[in-house]
Each structure stands twice: as C-alpha cells, then as structure tokens.
Amino acid sequence: MISHKCKYAIRALIDIAAQHDPNKTVMSSEIATRQQIPKKFLETILRDLRNGRILHSRRGSTGGYTLLKPASEITTTEIIRIIDGPIALLPCVSLNYYASCEGCDESTCQIKGVFEQVRDKTLGILNHTSLADLRDQYLKNTPQVGDKKSESARSSQK
C-alpha cells in the first residue's frame, strides 16, 4: 500500500504535467488548492521530488516547479521509490532495498517465491506507467474549463 504522502506526490506531479506550457512554473500554492493537499505537507513532498531529480524549482515572483524531464520519461516506480522506498512487500524480495527477513532461511522460505511474482507483476505495471499516462487519464476524466461537454452539463443542472 502506498502512503498518503505518495498519493499526494503523484497528484502534484500530474497537476504539474497537466499544465499546457511545460516551461511555465507552477506554484505550490496553486497545486495545493487544486489538489486539496495541505500546503506545508506539499512543500515537503515537492522538496523530496526535487531532491529525487524529478522536479526543478525556481524562486522569486516567477518561481515555482517544473518537471526536469518529459512526463513520458518519469515512471510511477520512480515516484514511489523516491517517496515511499521499496516496492516489494517483503524485504528479502526487494531489488533496491534488499534485507533478509528476520528468523527466515531464504533457501527454504515457503512464501518468498509468490512474493517475487507479486513484485515482478507490480513492477511490470508500474515501470510501464508513466507520468504522461497518469496525466492523460486525469485529463480524460476531468472536465476542463471551457470544455463544451462540461459547460452543457453544468447549465443543464441549473
């Protein structure tokens, strides 16, 4: 299970990736408002993403955040590892954060094999899901300002 912090990180990155001009910075206060994320918590998350080399930040009146690379090159795996660490459910099957399980002999472990399969299937999906994929899904499911369909739906509700 991913943490709330990780969910917020993904939502913030989708918000940044959804901006029409990829060179325009997005202020943390704008992201916090749109995504309903506590501002102080969001600032910590954005700092972690900057340190993880996903975001670039700029100070000043034109400051804010931009992606360091195209959204299509940022995988969900990368985001989760920066924020939450290991993807694997057991430390003994983690590829990047391996640790032996307490009180377990890996050569005779009865559950390691199935959790390696879970890890591999999970990584297969996460490695092939980019921030661009998440952004496109978000934009597809979210009414946009000026969108004829959402405008007519709102006026028919009156």
Protein backbone atom coordinates (compact mmCIF):
# COMPACT_ATOMS: atom_id res chain seq x y z
CA MET A 1 0.00 0.00 0.00
CA ILE A 2 1.35 3.42 -0.87
CA SER A 3 1.32 6.22 1.69
CA HIS A 4 -0.82 9.38 1.64
CA LYS A 5 2.42 11.25 1.01
CA CYS A 6 3.00 9.18 -2.14
CA LYS A 7 -0.58 9.70 -3.36
CA TYR A 8 -0.16 13.43 -2.86
CA ALA A 9 3.18 13.34 -4.72
CA ILE A 10 1.57 11.61 -7.69
CA ARG A 11 -1.35 14.06 -7.71
CA ALA A 12 1.03 17.04 -7.53
CA LEU A 13 3.14 15.70 -10.39
CA ILE A 14 0.03 15.05 -12.50
CA ASP A 15 -1.04 18.64 -11.81
CA ILE A 16 2.34 19.99 -12.96
CA ALA A 17 2.39 17.69 -16.00
CA ALA A 18 -1.15 18.80 -16.96
CA GLN A 19 -0.09 22.42 -17.49
CA HIS A 20 -0.31 23.46 -21.12
CA ASP A 21 3.11 25.13 -21.20
CA PRO A 22 5.74 22.70 -19.86
CA ASN A 23 8.23 25.59 -19.41
CA LYS A 24 5.88 27.61 -17.17
CA THR A 25 6.47 27.12 -13.47
CA VAL A 26 3.60 26.03 -11.23
CA MET A 27 3.42 27.48 -7.72
CA SER A 28 3.00 25.11 -4.79
CA SER A 29 0.03 27.16 -3.52
CA GLU A 30 -1.77 26.59 -6.85
CA ILE A 31 -1.14 22.85 -6.66
CA ALA A 32 -2.24 22.74 -3.02
CA THR A 33 -5.51 24.49 -3.86
CA ARG A 34 -6.33 22.47 -6.98
CA GLN A 35 -5.38 19.11 -5.47
CA GLN A 36 -6.61 19.85 -1.93
CA ILE A 37 -3.24 18.99 -0.36
CA PRO A 38 -2.10 20.73 2.85
CA LYS A 39 0.42 23.37 1.68
CA LYS A 40 3.16 22.67 4.25
CA PHE A 41 2.96 18.93 3.60
CA LEU A 42 3.04 19.56 -0.14
CA GLU A 43 6.17 21.69 0.17
CA THR A 44 7.95 18.78 1.90
CA ILE A 45 6.81 16.42 -0.86
CA LEU A 46 7.94 18.79 -3.62
CA ARG A 47 11.34 19.14 -1.93
CA ASP A 48 11.69 15.32 -1.90
CA LEU A 49 10.78 15.19 -5.61
CA ARG A 50 13.29 17.96 -6.34
CA ASN A 51 15.99 16.08 -4.42
CA GLY A 52 14.98 12.93 -6.32
CA ARG A 53 15.67 14.81 -9.58
CA ILE A 54 12.12 14.79 -10.90
CA LEU A 55 11.38 18.48 -10.35
CA HIS A 56 13.21 21.74 -10.82
CA SER A 57 12.33 24.64 -8.56
CA ARG A 58 12.78 28.35 -9.13
CA ARG A 59 12.43 31.08 -6.51
CA GLY A 60 11.00 34.53 -6.91
CA SER A 61 7.91 36.12 -8.38
CA THR A 62 8.06 33.84 -11.42
CA GLY A 63 9.08 30.89 -9.28
CA GLY A 64 7.52 27.51 -8.88
CA TYR A 65 8.08 23.99 -10.12
CA THR A 66 8.63 22.36 -13.49
CA LEU A 67 9.42 18.79 -14.49
CA LEU A 68 13.12 18.11 -15.09
CA LYS A 69 12.33 15.68 -17.90
CA PRO A 70 9.30 14.88 -20.05
CA ALA A 71 6.37 13.27 -18.24
CA SER A 72 6.69 10.28 -20.57
CA GLU A 73 10.13 9.55 -19.08
CA ILE A 74 9.03 9.56 -15.42
CA THR A 75 7.73 6.18 -14.27
CA THR A 76 5.35 5.52 -11.43
CA THR A 77 8.04 3.22 -9.98
CA GLU A 78 10.47 6.12 -9.79
CA ILE A 79 7.96 8.32 -7.95
CA ILE A 80 7.01 5.62 -5.44
CA ARG A 81 10.64 4.76 -4.68
CA ILE A 82 11.55 8.41 -4.06
CA ILE A 83 8.66 8.95 -1.67
CA ASP A 84 7.99 5.54 -0.08
CA GLY A 85 11.10 3.47 -0.77
CA PRO A 86 10.73 -0.23 -1.63
CA ILE A 87 8.02 -1.54 -3.92
CA ALA A 88 8.34 -5.16 -2.72
CA LEU A 89 6.09 -6.37 0.10
CA LEU A 90 8.93 -8.32 1.76
CA PRO A 91 12.45 -7.01 2.31
CA CYS A 92 14.02 -10.26 1.04
CA VAL A 93 12.50 -9.81 -2.44
CA SER A 94 13.29 -6.11 -2.85
CA LEU A 95 15.56 -5.33 -5.78
CA ASN A 96 16.83 -1.97 -4.49
CA TYR A 97 16.33 -2.26 -0.73
CA TYR A 98 17.17 -5.91 -0.03
CA ALA A 99 17.34 -7.09 3.57
CA SER A 100 16.99 -10.62 4.89
CA CYS A 101 13.80 -11.40 6.78
CA GLU A 102 14.15 -11.90 10.48
CA GLY A 103 14.04 -15.56 11.52
CA CYS A 104 13.78 -16.87 7.98
CA ASP A 105 16.01 -19.17 5.93
CA GLU A 106 15.59 -17.87 2.37
CA SER A 107 16.61 -21.18 0.81
CA THR A 108 13.63 -22.93 2.41
CA CYS A 109 11.20 -20.00 2.67
CA GLN A 110 7.71 -21.07 1.67
CA ILE A 111 6.41 -17.63 0.71
CA LYS A 112 9.35 -15.90 -0.97
CA GLY A 113 8.51 -17.27 -4.43
CA VAL A 114 4.98 -15.92 -4.52
CA PHE A 115 6.12 -12.51 -3.29
CA GLU A 116 8.78 -12.40 -6.01
CA GLN A 117 5.99 -12.96 -8.52
CA VAL A 118 3.91 -10.19 -6.92
CA ARG A 119 6.93 -7.86 -7.07
CA ASP A 120 7.60 -8.70 -10.72
CA LYS A 121 3.98 -8.19 -11.81
CA THR A 122 3.72 -4.95 -9.82
CA LEU A 123 6.97 -3.61 -11.27
CA GLY A 124 5.85 -4.60 -14.76
CA ILE A 125 2.79 -2.39 -14.43
CA LEU A 126 4.47 0.50 -12.60
CA ASN A 127 7.52 0.55 -14.90
CA HIS A 128 5.23 0.81 -17.93
CA THR A 129 3.00 3.52 -16.47
CA SER A 130 4.50 6.95 -16.98
CA LEU A 131 3.51 10.27 -15.50
CA ALA A 132 2.25 11.14 -19.01
CA ASP A 133 -0.09 8.12 -18.88
CA LEU A 134 -1.43 9.23 -15.49
CA ARG A 135 -1.80 12.83 -16.70
CA ASP A 136 -3.66 11.74 -19.83
CA GLN A 137 -6.05 9.61 -17.76
CA TYR A 138 -6.60 12.53 -15.38
CA LEU A 139 -7.31 14.97 -18.24
CA LYS A 140 -9.66 12.47 -19.89
CA ASN A 141 -11.70 12.11 -16.69
CA THR A 142 -11.64 15.73 -15.51
CA PRO A 143 -13.87 18.39 -17.06
CA GLN A 144 -11.73 21.25 -18.33
CA VAL A 145 -12.63 24.94 -18.16
CA GLY A 146 -14.13 25.93 -21.49
CA ASP A 147 -14.94 22.30 -22.33
CA LYS A 148 -18.29 22.29 -24.20
CA LYS A 149 -19.37 18.99 -22.63
CA SER A 150 -18.74 20.15 -19.04
CA GLU A 151 -20.32 23.57 -19.76
CA SER A 152 -23.55 22.00 -21.05
CA ALA A 153 -23.65 19.54 -18.14
CA ARG A 154 -23.36 22.40 -15.65
CA SER A 155 -26.05 24.51 -17.36
CA SER A 156 -28.48 21.55 -17.51
CA GLN A 157 -28.12 21.06 -13.76
CA LYS A 158 -29.43 24.59 -13.05
